[in-house]
């Protein structure tokens, strides 16, 4: 879910380096007293590892002692981090194997928990939604096409309680983006993948749909649009069939886009009460369920994605440009 402001950034790094003892970076900016219930104003933001090209898609795996998986999309690697072992390569390539001609970002992007001992991947290089067995590290493609045409480069995904998967499909994985000769879809879509494999288009009107998330009750679907000309978050009310019955602009940060606040609407996390932790200009913007801005977590660089983790679900992990960071919270992530 890489922001457009950073598409041409950085030369290829051969590997990431663990940081011996977390360095403190950034700060928490309070915009409402309500933020204090979610995160302490003086909560330290700690850098855990660095040296990535563009860190993305963190997901917490609670079994086996607890560890985090995250991706380096242009580097085509999936990394593992744990408090005991630090960072290591978990899967390479994470996306497309072999010839990556025509791809600017051939690796996997967003990661989420799947059924059993699996995770689900938004696989840029394979242009697919895929399942990865964590024990064997074998990958299985779940969806690669809509109406006979290949997806652009699926970016992020979220899984509902009934197994339905919602995902976004911008062209960030392709060289030339919308002008890529590999692009087959006439739009950059938001989709629903049913457990039986059927794919349904939810919305084809967003310019660069990116991060995607469900509210704790499963009735609202949030989608980030990572367009500097229209840096918004859209909220869809879902009907009983999982289709968008209505949509509204949840928040708009277009006026904040610029060098002073790096980043665009991208990945998101949500707590048990429905407070949204949404990456955007200046870091991670914290929204109440009604859209009220509560504050901002600033690492000093663009944050691509975030997720709750640790045994109690009270740590927010941040995939922030070329590094992995974390901050302790007073709230608990949804699902703990």
Foldseek 3Di string as FASTA:
>chain_A
DDFPVCLPDDDAFPDKFFDDDWDFFFFWFFPAPVCCLKFNRGWTKTFGIFRAQFKAAWEWDPPPPIWIWIDRFQNQFIWIADPVPGIDTQDPRQADPDDQPFWNGQHWHHWYDDPDQWIWTQGQNQLAIWIARSVVRDIDGLDQDDPPAGAQGWAYWDADPQGKIKTWTFNSGGVVGVPRPNDDDPAGFIWIQDPVSDIDTQDRPARAWAAWDAFLVRQWIWIFRSDLQWQFIKIFGADPVRHGPDMDTLDTDSVLDDPVFDEGFHYWFAFQQGWIFTFHGQATWIAHNSSDTGIHTHRPAGWHYWYFDDPQRQKIWTRGRRTIIITGISTHTPPD
